[in-house]
Amino acid sequence: MHHPLTLLGKIKEAYDNNPKLSNLLLDDYFRAEIKRCQKGWRNVVSNTAKKGIPTPAFSTALAFYDQYRSAVLPANLLQAMRDYFGAHTYERVDKPRGEFFHINWTGHGGTTSSGSYNA
């Protein structure tokens, strides 16, 4: 295990090497460390879940890591719920980027209007 100041030094080094680094997971050192520790990390999260021990920081961080390294994820249910409850629109992976869709889910119309925004 590294001393906390050593870790801070590695973070500084990563940004010194690449001032425009958008995420530490893209730095060679941190990518290698995460890869090296991934099996143990997954074991901790799965074993604590099996025993009913909450580890929200570990499990949320692992979920973030898994989604960050995945180009495409099954977010269609989430997109559908956002569109249904707030008419937020959604994009489809089989259509060009920037083409937005909205479904009249109930068939009865209503006062909710569809729109899009950039976050």
C-alpha atoms as a PDB file:
ATOM      1  CA  MET A   1       0.000   0.000   0.000  1.00  0.00           C
ATOM      2  CA  HIS A   2       1.263   3.425  -0.909  1.00  0.00           C
ATOM      3  CA  HIS A   3       1.703   6.270   1.528  1.00  0.00           C
ATOM      4  CA  PRO A   4      -0.932   9.000   0.854  1.00  0.00           C
ATOM      5  CA  LEU A   5       1.760  11.532  -0.061  1.00  0.00           C
ATOM      6  CA  THR A   6       3.149   9.096  -2.622  1.00  0.00           C
ATOM      7  CA  LEU A   7      -0.307   8.886  -4.189  1.00  0.00           C
ATOM      8  CA  LEU A   8      -0.613  12.673  -4.275  1.00  0.00           C
ATOM      9  CA  GLY A   9       2.791  12.794  -5.955  1.00  0.00           C
ATOM     10  CA  LYS A  10       1.574  10.349  -8.617  1.00  0.00           C
ATOM     11  CA  ILE A  11      -1.504  12.502  -9.207  1.00  0.00           C
ATOM     12  CA  LYS A  12       0.681  15.607  -9.578  1.00  0.00           C
ATOM     13  CA  GLU A  13       3.018  13.710 -11.909  1.00  0.00           C
ATOM     14  CA  ALA A  14       0.077  12.602 -14.085  1.00  0.00           C
ATOM     15  CA  TYR A  15      -1.112  16.195 -14.528  1.00  0.00           C
ATOM     16  CA  ASP A  16       2.440  17.492 -14.982  1.00  0.00           C
ATOM     17  CA  ASN A  17       2.850  14.992 -17.834  1.00  0.00           C
ATOM     18  CA  ASN A  18      -0.528  15.892 -19.336  1.00  0.00           C
ATOM     19  CA  PRO A  19      -2.087  19.160 -18.066  1.00  0.00           C
ATOM     20  CA  LYS A  20      -5.230  18.474 -20.132  1.00  0.00           C
ATOM     21  CA  LEU A  21      -5.795  15.016 -18.593  1.00  0.00           C
ATOM     22  CA  SER A  22      -9.571  14.668 -18.240  1.00  0.00           C
ATOM     23  CA  ASN A  23      -9.506  11.669 -15.885  1.00  0.00           C
ATOM     24  CA  LEU A  24      -6.795   9.887 -13.902  1.00  0.00           C
ATOM     25  CA  LEU A  25      -8.006   6.582 -15.367  1.00  0.00           C
ATOM     26  CA  LEU A  26      -6.466   7.725 -18.657  1.00  0.00           C
ATOM     27  CA  ASP A  27      -2.975   8.048 -17.140  1.00  0.00           C
ATOM     28  CA  ASP A  28      -0.684   5.052 -17.731  1.00  0.00           C
ATOM     29  CA  TYR A  29       0.266   4.651 -14.051  1.00  0.00           C
ATOM     30  CA  PHE A  30      -3.301   4.773 -12.742  1.00  0.00           C
ATOM     31  CA  ARG A  31      -4.620   2.581 -15.560  1.00  0.00           C
ATOM     32  CA  ALA A  32      -2.024  -0.070 -14.659  1.00  0.00           C
ATOM     33  CA  GLU A  33      -2.748   0.179 -10.908  1.00  0.00           C
ATOM     34  CA  ILE A  34      -6.498  -0.202 -11.424  1.00  0.00           C
ATOM     35  CA  LYS A  35      -5.905  -3.179 -13.716  1.00  0.00           C
ATOM     36  CA  ARG A  36      -3.600  -4.755 -11.127  1.00  0.00           C
ATOM     37  CA  CYS A  37      -6.080  -4.277  -8.267  1.00  0.00           C
ATOM     38  CA  GLN A  38      -9.329  -4.921 -10.159  1.00  0.00           C
ATOM     39  CA  LYS A  39      -9.796  -8.568  -9.146  1.00  0.00           C
ATOM     40  CA  GLY A  40      -9.437  -7.780  -5.445  1.00  0.00           C
ATOM     41  CA  TRP A  41     -11.706  -4.757  -5.760  1.00  0.00           C
ATOM     42  CA  ARG A  42     -14.422  -6.874  -7.372  1.00  0.00           C
ATOM     43  CA  ASN A  43     -14.000  -9.558  -4.700  1.00  0.00           C
ATOM     44  CA  VAL A  44     -14.450  -6.995  -1.912  1.00  0.00           C
ATOM     45  CA  VAL A  45     -17.618  -5.600  -3.482  1.00  0.00           C
ATOM     46  CA  SER A  46     -19.155  -9.003  -4.241  1.00  0.00           C
ATOM     47  CA  ASN A  47     -18.272 -10.558  -0.859  1.00  0.00           C
ATOM     48  CA  THR A  48     -19.613  -7.621   1.135  1.00  0.00           C
ATOM     49  CA  ALA A  49     -22.814  -7.660  -0.937  1.00  0.00           C
ATOM     50  CA  LYS A  50     -23.247 -11.390  -0.252  1.00  0.00           C
ATOM     51  CA  LYS A  51     -22.848 -10.747   3.489  1.00  0.00           C
ATOM     52  CA  GLY A  52     -25.186  -7.766   3.507  1.00  0.00           C
ATOM     53  CA  ILE A  53     -22.444  -5.310   4.398  1.00  0.00           C
ATOM     54  CA  PRO A  54     -22.953  -1.967   2.664  1.00  0.00           C
ATOM     55  CA  THR A  55     -19.904  -0.572   0.888  1.00  0.00           C
ATOM     56  CA  PRO A  56     -21.408   2.344  -1.048  1.00  0.00           C
ATOM     57  CA  ALA A  57     -18.121   4.054  -1.922  1.00  0.00           C
ATOM     58  CA  PHE A  58     -16.453   0.851  -3.167  1.00  0.00           C
ATOM     59  CA  SER A  59     -19.456  -0.340  -5.166  1.00  0.00           C
ATOM     60  CA  THR A  60     -20.283   3.071  -6.639  1.00  0.00           C
ATOM     61  CA  ALA A  61     -16.652   3.591  -7.627  1.00  0.00           C
ATOM     62  CA  LEU A  62     -16.607   0.169  -9.295  1.00  0.00           C
ATOM     63  CA  ALA A  63     -19.835   0.944 -11.155  1.00  0.00           C
ATOM     64  CA  PHE A  64     -18.335   4.262 -12.310  1.00  0.00           C
ATOM     65  CA  TYR A  65     -15.184   2.484 -13.474  1.00  0.00           C
ATOM     66  CA  ASP A  66     -17.183  -0.123 -15.401  1.00  0.00           C
ATOM     67  CA  GLN A  67     -19.321   2.482 -17.146  1.00  0.00           C
ATOM     68  CA  TYR A  68     -16.347   4.747 -17.866  1.00  0.00           C
ATOM     69  CA  ARG A  69     -14.458   2.035 -19.725  1.00  0.00           C
ATOM     70  CA  SER A  70     -17.509   0.887 -21.727  1.00  0.00           C
ATOM     71  CA  ALA A  71     -18.285   2.526 -25.059  1.00  0.00           C
ATOM     72  CA  VAL A  72     -21.914   1.316 -25.125  1.00  0.00           C
ATOM     73  CA  LEU A  73     -24.105   0.405 -22.175  1.00  0.00           C
ATOM     74  CA  PRO A  74     -27.735  -0.732 -21.885  1.00  0.00           C
ATOM     75  CA  ALA A  75     -29.142   2.621 -20.788  1.00  0.00           C
ATOM     76  CA  ASN A  76     -32.310   2.265 -22.841  1.00  0.00           C
ATOM     77  CA  LEU A  77     -34.567   1.772 -19.794  1.00  0.00           C
ATOM     78  CA  LEU A  78     -33.133   4.855 -18.120  1.00  0.00           C
ATOM     79  CA  GLN A  79     -33.573   6.870 -21.340  1.00  0.00           C
ATOM     80  CA  ALA A  80     -37.159   5.654 -21.698  1.00  0.00           C
ATOM     81  CA  MET A  81     -38.022   6.601 -18.104  1.00  0.00           C
ATOM     82  CA  ARG A  82     -36.485  10.073 -18.533  1.00  0.00           C
ATOM     83  CA  ASP A  83     -38.482  10.583 -21.727  1.00  0.00           C
ATOM     84  CA  TYR A  84     -41.724   9.238 -20.215  1.00  0.00           C
ATOM     85  CA  PHE A  85     -41.602  11.302 -17.029  1.00  0.00           C
ATOM     86  CA  GLY A  86     -40.124  14.494 -18.436  1.00  0.00           C
ATOM     87  CA  ALA A  87     -40.184  14.333 -22.241  1.00  0.00           C
ATOM     88  CA  HIS A  88     -36.399  14.738 -22.271  1.00  0.00           C
ATOM     89  CA  THR A  89     -35.944  12.960 -25.626  1.00  0.00           C
ATOM     90  CA  TYR A  90     -33.273  10.404 -26.357  1.00  0.00           C
ATOM     91  CA  GLU A  91     -30.770   9.457 -29.024  1.00  0.00           C
ATOM     92  CA  ARG A  92     -30.634   6.031 -30.656  1.00  0.00           C
ATOM     93  CA  VAL A  93     -27.463   4.075 -31.369  1.00  0.00           C
ATOM     94  CA  ASP A  94     -28.809   3.087 -34.796  1.00  0.00           C
ATOM     95  CA  LYS A  95     -29.282   6.729 -35.864  1.00  0.00           C
ATOM     96  CA  PRO A  96     -26.819   9.612 -36.362  1.00  0.00           C
ATOM     97  CA  ARG A  97     -25.652  11.558 -33.272  1.00  0.00           C
ATOM     98  CA  GLY A  98     -27.718  14.691 -32.748  1.00  0.00           C
ATOM     99  CA  GLU A  99     -30.978  13.127 -33.941  1.00  0.00           C
ATOM    100  CA  PHE A 100     -33.393  13.162 -30.981  1.00  0.00           C
ATOM    101  CA  PHE A 101     -36.570  11.142 -30.456  1.00  0.00           C
ATOM    102  CA  HIS A 102     -39.588  11.446 -28.198  1.00  0.00           C
ATOM    103  CA  ILE A 103     -42.468   9.014 -27.809  1.00  0.00           C
ATOM    104  CA  ASN A 104     -46.023   9.848 -26.794  1.00  0.00           C
ATOM    105  CA  TRP A 105     -45.986   6.996 -24.273  1.00  0.00           C
ATOM    106  CA  THR A 106     -49.640   7.168 -23.179  1.00  0.00           C
ATOM    107  CA  GLY A 107     -51.227   7.902 -26.560  1.00  0.00           C
ATOM    108  CA  HIS A 108     -53.364  10.606 -24.959  1.00  0.00           C
ATOM    109  CA  GLY A 109     -51.165  13.617 -25.554  1.00  0.00           C
ATOM    110  CA  GLY A 110     -50.640  16.136 -22.817  1.00  0.00           C
ATOM    111  CA  THR A 111     -49.038  19.417 -21.934  1.00  0.00           C
ATOM    112  CA  THR A 112     -45.466  18.155 -21.535  1.00  0.00           C
ATOM    113  CA  SER A 113     -43.317  19.280 -24.421  1.00  0.00           C
ATOM    114  CA  SER A 114     -40.224  17.600 -25.742  1.00  0.00           C
ATOM    115  CA  GLY A 115     -36.901  19.355 -25.882  1.00  0.00           C
ATOM    116  CA  SER A 116     -33.203  18.708 -25.773  1.00  0.00           C
ATOM    117  CA  TYR A 117     -30.279  20.254 -23.971  1.00  0.00           C
ATOM    118  CA  ASN A 118     -26.537  19.943 -23.740  1.00  0.00           C
ATOM    119  CA  ALA A 119     -25.141  19.138 -20.329  1.00  0.00           C
END
